[in-house]
Amino acid sequence: MKLLTKTLLTRFQKVGSQAESEDPIIIAKFFNPCGSGTWYATEFNPNDACFFGYVTGLGYDEWGYFSLHELSTVKCPPFGLPIERDLYFEEDRFSEVIKD
């Protein structure tokens, strides 16, 4: 599965920086299919292939940067499955996404 499609890349470019937003738009959701770990991406920088967003389920929840390369090379124990992009995720404001 491609974690970053041309359509998503175009959307990230169109939305641009959300640094000033108190309630940014979550554009893409990635998750560990074998357990905890969810990455909600609000921005993507093509120069270094890094996302910015909210990460939850890895001990504590926080805003920060995460690499496309790292997401695409992780093999989740115990079955060695890769991180997946939620194909059914519909972008929404952060405040709405975390309600669920």
N, C-alpha and C. Protein backbone atom coordinates (compact mmCIF):
# COMPACT_ATOMS: atom_id res chain seq x y z
N MET A 1 0.84 -1.18 0.00
CA MET A 1 0.00 0.00 0.00
C MET A 1 0.89 1.24 0.00
N LYS A 2 0.53 2.19 -0.86
CA LYS A 2 1.24 3.47 -0.86
C LYS A 2 0.71 4.31 0.30
N LEU A 3 1.62 4.77 1.12
CA LEU A 3 1.21 5.62 2.23
C LEU A 3 0.91 7.04 1.76
N LEU A 4 1.61 7.49 0.74
CA LEU A 4 1.40 8.84 0.23
C LEU A 4 1.14 8.79 -1.27
N THR A 5 -0.09 9.05 -1.65
CA THR A 5 -0.48 9.04 -3.06
C THR A 5 -0.31 10.44 -3.65
N LYS A 6 -0.38 10.53 -4.96
CA LYS A 6 -0.30 11.84 -5.62
C LYS A 6 -1.47 12.73 -5.18
N THR A 7 -2.63 12.13 -5.00
CA THR A 7 -3.80 12.88 -4.56
C THR A 7 -3.58 13.47 -3.18
N LEU A 8 -3.03 12.66 -2.26
CA LEU A 8 -2.74 13.17 -0.92
C LEU A 8 -1.66 14.25 -0.95
N LEU A 9 -0.63 14.04 -1.74
CA LEU A 9 0.44 15.03 -1.85
C LEU A 9 -0.11 16.36 -2.34
N THR A 10 -0.98 16.30 -3.33
CA THR A 10 -1.61 17.52 -3.85
C THR A 10 -2.44 18.20 -2.76
N ARG A 11 -3.16 17.42 -1.99
CA ARG A 11 -3.99 17.97 -0.91
C ARG A 11 -3.12 18.63 0.17
N PHE A 12 -2.03 17.97 0.56
CA PHE A 12 -1.12 18.56 1.54
C PHE A 12 -0.57 19.89 1.02
N GLN A 13 -0.21 19.93 -0.26
CA GLN A 13 0.32 21.17 -0.84
C GLN A 13 -0.73 22.27 -0.86
N LYS A 14 -1.97 21.90 -1.17
CA LYS A 14 -3.04 22.89 -1.23
C LYS A 14 -3.33 23.48 0.15
N VAL A 15 -3.37 22.64 1.18
CA VAL A 15 -3.66 23.10 2.54
C VAL A 15 -2.48 23.90 3.09
N GLY A 16 -1.26 23.44 2.83
CA GLY A 16 -0.06 24.16 3.28
C GLY A 16 0.13 24.10 4.78
N SER A 17 0.84 25.07 5.30
CA SER A 17 1.14 25.12 6.73
C SER A 17 -0.12 25.42 7.53
N GLN A 18 -0.26 24.68 8.62
CA GLN A 18 -1.38 24.92 9.54
C GLN A 18 -0.86 25.33 10.92
N ALA A 19 0.37 25.82 10.95
CA ALA A 19 1.03 26.16 12.21
C ALA A 19 0.25 27.17 13.03
N GLU A 20 -0.49 28.03 12.38
CA GLU A 20 -1.23 29.07 13.09
C GLU A 20 -2.65 28.62 13.49
N SER A 21 -3.05 27.45 13.06
CA SER A 21 -4.40 26.98 13.32
C SER A 21 -4.50 26.32 14.70
N GLU A 22 -5.51 26.69 15.45
CA GLU A 22 -5.77 26.05 16.74
C GLU A 22 -6.48 24.71 16.57
N ASP A 23 -7.09 24.50 15.40
CA ASP A 23 -7.82 23.27 15.12
C ASP A 23 -7.52 22.85 13.68
N PRO A 24 -6.31 22.31 13.44
CA PRO A 24 -5.90 21.99 12.07
C PRO A 24 -6.72 20.85 11.45
N ILE A 25 -6.65 20.79 10.14
CA ILE A 25 -7.31 19.73 9.39
C ILE A 25 -6.40 18.50 9.40
N ILE A 26 -6.94 17.36 9.78
CA ILE A 26 -6.22 16.10 9.67
C ILE A 26 -6.47 15.60 8.25
N ILE A 27 -5.41 15.48 7.47
CA ILE A 27 -5.53 15.11 6.07
C ILE A 27 -5.41 13.62 5.85
N ALA A 28 -4.57 12.95 6.63
CA ALA A 28 -4.37 11.51 6.46
C ALA A 28 -4.18 10.85 7.81
N LYS A 29 -4.58 9.59 7.89
CA LYS A 29 -4.44 8.80 9.11
C LYS A 29 -3.68 7.51 8.78
N PHE A 30 -2.64 7.23 9.57
CA PHE A 30 -1.86 6.01 9.43
C PHE A 30 -1.99 5.25 10.74
N PHE A 31 -1.92 3.92 10.67
CA PHE A 31 -2.11 3.15 11.90
C PHE A 31 -1.34 1.83 11.87
N ASN A 32 -1.08 1.32 13.06
CA ASN A 32 -0.45 0.02 13.24
C ASN A 32 -1.57 -1.02 13.21
N PRO A 33 -1.59 -1.93 12.23
CA PRO A 33 -2.68 -2.90 12.13
C PRO A 33 -2.61 -4.01 13.19
N CYS A 34 -1.51 -4.07 13.93
CA CYS A 34 -1.33 -5.12 14.93
C CYS A 34 -1.44 -4.62 16.37
N GLY A 35 -1.74 -3.36 16.57
CA GLY A 35 -1.79 -2.86 17.93
C GLY A 35 -1.94 -1.35 17.98
N SER A 36 -1.35 -0.77 19.00
CA SER A 36 -1.51 0.67 19.18
C SER A 36 -0.55 1.44 18.28
N GLY A 37 -0.84 2.69 18.12
CA GLY A 37 -0.04 3.57 17.29
C GLY A 37 -0.86 4.10 16.15
N THR A 38 -1.17 5.40 16.23
CA THR A 38 -1.91 6.07 15.17
C THR A 38 -1.25 7.42 14.92
N TRP A 39 -1.06 7.74 13.64
CA TRP A 39 -0.43 8.98 13.22
C TRP A 39 -1.45 9.76 12.40
N TYR A 40 -1.78 10.98 12.86
CA TYR A 40 -2.71 11.86 12.16
C TYR A 40 -1.91 12.99 11.52
N ALA A 41 -1.83 13.02 10.21
CA ALA A 41 -0.99 13.99 9.50
C ALA A 41 -1.77 15.24 9.11
N THR A 42 -1.19 16.38 9.47
CA THR A 42 -1.77 17.68 9.11
C THR A 42 -0.97 18.39 8.03
N GLU A 43 0.32 18.06 7.92
CA GLU A 43 1.20 18.70 6.95
C GLU A 43 2.20 17.69 6.41
N PHE A 44 2.73 17.97 5.23
CA PHE A 44 3.80 17.15 4.65
C PHE A 44 4.79 18.05 3.95
N ASN A 45 6.07 17.83 4.25
CA ASN A 45 7.15 18.57 3.61
C ASN A 45 7.84 17.65 2.61
N PRO A 46 7.68 17.87 1.31
CA PRO A 46 8.28 16.98 0.32
C PRO A 46 9.81 17.06 0.28
N ASN A 47 10.38 18.15 0.77
CA ASN A 47 11.84 18.30 0.75
C ASN A 47 12.54 17.29 1.65
N ASP A 48 11.96 16.99 2.82
CA ASP A 48 12.57 16.00 3.71
C ASP A 48 11.68 14.78 3.93
N ALA A 49 10.56 14.73 3.24
CA ALA A 49 9.60 13.62 3.31
C ALA A 49 9.14 13.37 4.74
N CYS A 50 8.84 14.48 5.45
CA CYS A 50 8.35 14.37 6.83
C CYS A 50 6.96 14.97 6.95
N PHE A 51 6.16 14.30 7.76
CA PHE A 51 4.83 14.78 8.10
C PHE A 51 4.91 15.54 9.41
N PHE A 52 3.93 16.38 9.64
CA PHE A 52 3.71 16.95 10.96
C PHE A 52 2.30 16.55 11.34
N GLY A 53 2.10 16.18 12.59
CA GLY A 53 0.76 15.81 13.02
C GLY A 53 0.74 15.33 14.44
N TYR A 54 -0.32 14.65 14.77
CA TYR A 54 -0.58 14.18 16.13
C TYR A 54 -0.37 12.67 16.16
N VAL A 55 0.40 12.21 17.13
CA VAL A 55 0.69 10.79 17.28
C VAL A 55 0.12 10.31 18.60
N THR A 56 -0.58 9.21 18.57
CA THR A 56 -1.21 8.68 19.78
C THR A 56 -0.97 7.17 19.86
N GLY A 57 -0.99 6.66 21.10
CA GLY A 57 -0.90 5.23 21.31
C GLY A 57 0.50 4.67 21.44
N LEU A 58 1.49 5.53 21.56
CA LEU A 58 2.88 5.05 21.68
C LEU A 58 3.48 5.44 23.03
N GLY A 59 2.69 5.35 24.06
CA GLY A 59 3.17 5.69 25.40
C GLY A 59 2.59 7.01 25.89
N TYR A 60 2.60 7.99 25.01
CA TYR A 60 1.96 9.27 25.31
C TYR A 60 1.60 9.92 23.98
N ASP A 61 0.67 10.83 24.04
CA ASP A 61 0.18 11.49 22.83
C ASP A 61 0.88 12.83 22.66
N GLU A 62 1.26 13.16 21.42
CA GLU A 62 1.95 14.42 21.20
C GLU A 62 1.89 14.86 19.75
N TRP A 63 2.07 16.16 19.55
CA TRP A 63 2.25 16.74 18.23
C TRP A 63 3.73 16.65 17.89
N GLY A 64 4.04 16.36 16.63
CA GLY A 64 5.43 16.32 16.23
C GLY A 64 5.60 15.88 14.79
N TYR A 65 6.86 15.65 14.43
CA TYR A 65 7.22 15.25 13.08
C TYR A 65 7.42 13.75 13.01
N PHE A 66 7.05 13.16 11.88
CA PHE A 66 7.32 11.75 11.64
C PHE A 66 7.62 11.56 10.16
N SER A 67 8.54 10.65 9.90
CA SER A 67 9.09 10.47 8.58
C SER A 67 8.30 9.45 7.75
N LEU A 68 8.09 9.78 6.49
CA LEU A 68 7.46 8.84 5.56
C LEU A 68 8.31 7.58 5.45
N HIS A 69 9.63 7.75 5.40
CA HIS A 69 10.52 6.60 5.31
C HIS A 69 10.36 5.67 6.52
N GLU A 70 10.33 6.25 7.71
CA GLU A 70 10.18 5.44 8.91
C GLU A 70 8.84 4.70 8.92
N LEU A 71 7.77 5.40 8.57
CA LEU A 71 6.45 4.75 8.53
C LEU A 71 6.45 3.60 7.52
N SER A 72 7.11 3.80 6.40
CA SER A 72 7.05 2.78 5.34
C SER A 72 7.98 1.61 5.58
N THR A 73 8.91 1.71 6.54
CA THR A 73 9.83 0.60 6.79
C THR A 73 9.54 -0.15 8.09
N VAL A 74 8.64 0.34 8.91
CA VAL A 74 8.30 -0.33 10.17
C VAL A 74 7.58 -1.63 9.88
N LYS A 75 7.96 -2.67 10.60
CA LYS A 75 7.25 -3.95 10.55
C LYS A 75 6.72 -4.21 11.95
N CYS A 76 5.42 -4.20 12.09
CA CYS A 76 4.76 -4.25 13.40
C CYS A 76 4.73 -5.67 13.96
N PRO A 77 5.25 -5.84 15.18
CA PRO A 77 5.17 -7.15 15.82
C PRO A 77 3.72 -7.45 16.22
N PRO A 78 3.29 -8.65 16.34
CA PRO A 78 4.08 -9.87 16.21
C PRO A 78 4.07 -10.44 14.80
N PHE A 79 3.33 -9.85 13.88
CA PHE A 79 3.15 -10.45 12.56
C PHE A 79 4.00 -9.82 11.46
N GLY A 80 4.70 -8.75 11.76
CA GLY A 80 5.55 -8.10 10.77
C GLY A 80 4.80 -7.35 9.69
N LEU A 81 3.59 -6.91 10.00
CA LEU A 81 2.80 -6.16 9.02
C LEU A 81 3.27 -4.71 8.97
N PRO A 82 3.14 -4.06 7.82
CA PRO A 82 3.55 -2.67 7.71
C PRO A 82 2.49 -1.71 8.27
N ILE A 83 2.91 -0.49 8.53
CA ILE A 83 1.98 0.58 8.88
C ILE A 83 1.06 0.78 7.67
N GLU A 84 -0.21 1.04 7.94
CA GLU A 84 -1.18 1.22 6.86
C GLU A 84 -1.78 2.62 6.90
N ARG A 85 -2.25 3.06 5.74
CA ARG A 85 -3.03 4.29 5.66
C ARG A 85 -4.49 3.90 5.72
N ASP A 86 -5.27 4.60 6.53
CA ASP A 86 -6.70 4.33 6.64
C ASP A 86 -7.38 4.81 5.37
N LEU A 87 -7.77 3.87 4.53
CA LEU A 87 -8.38 4.19 3.24
C LEU A 87 -9.77 4.79 3.38
N TYR A 88 -10.39 4.61 4.53
CA TYR A 88 -11.76 5.10 4.74
C TYR A 88 -11.80 6.38 5.55
N PHE A 89 -10.63 6.89 5.92
CA PHE A 89 -10.56 8.12 6.70
C PHE A 89 -10.98 9.30 5.85
N GLU A 90 -11.85 10.13 6.40
CA GLU A 90 -12.25 11.37 5.73
C GLU A 90 -11.71 12.53 6.53
N GLU A 91 -10.99 13.41 5.85
CA GLU A 91 -10.35 14.50 6.56
C GLU A 91 -11.36 15.33 7.33
N ASP A 92 -10.89 15.83 8.47
CA ASP A 92 -11.74 16.63 9.34
C ASP A 92 -10.84 17.43 10.27
N ARG A 93 -11.43 18.32 11.01
CA ARG A 93 -10.70 19.09 12.00
C ARG A 93 -10.25 18.19 13.14
N PHE A 94 -9.11 18.50 13.73
CA PHE A 94 -8.54 17.72 14.82
C PHE A 94 -9.55 17.52 15.94
N SER A 95 -10.26 18.57 16.33
CA SER A 95 -11.21 18.46 17.43
C SER A 95 -12.30 17.44 17.16
N GLU A 96 -12.66 17.26 15.91
CA GLU A 96 -13.68 16.28 15.54
C GLU A 96 -13.11 14.87 15.47
N VAL A 97 -11.90 14.74 14.98
CA VAL A 97 -11.27 13.43 14.83
C VAL A 97 -11.01 12.78 16.19
N ILE A 98 -10.55 13.56 17.15
CA ILE A 98 -10.21 12.95 18.45
C ILE A 98 -11.44 12.65 19.30
N LYS A 99 -12.61 13.11 18.89
CA LYS A 99 -13.84 12.77 19.61
C LYS A 99 -14.14 11.28 19.53
N ASP A 100 -13.77 10.68 18.39
CA ASP A 100 -14.11 9.26 18.13
C ASP A 100 -13.30 8.33 18.93
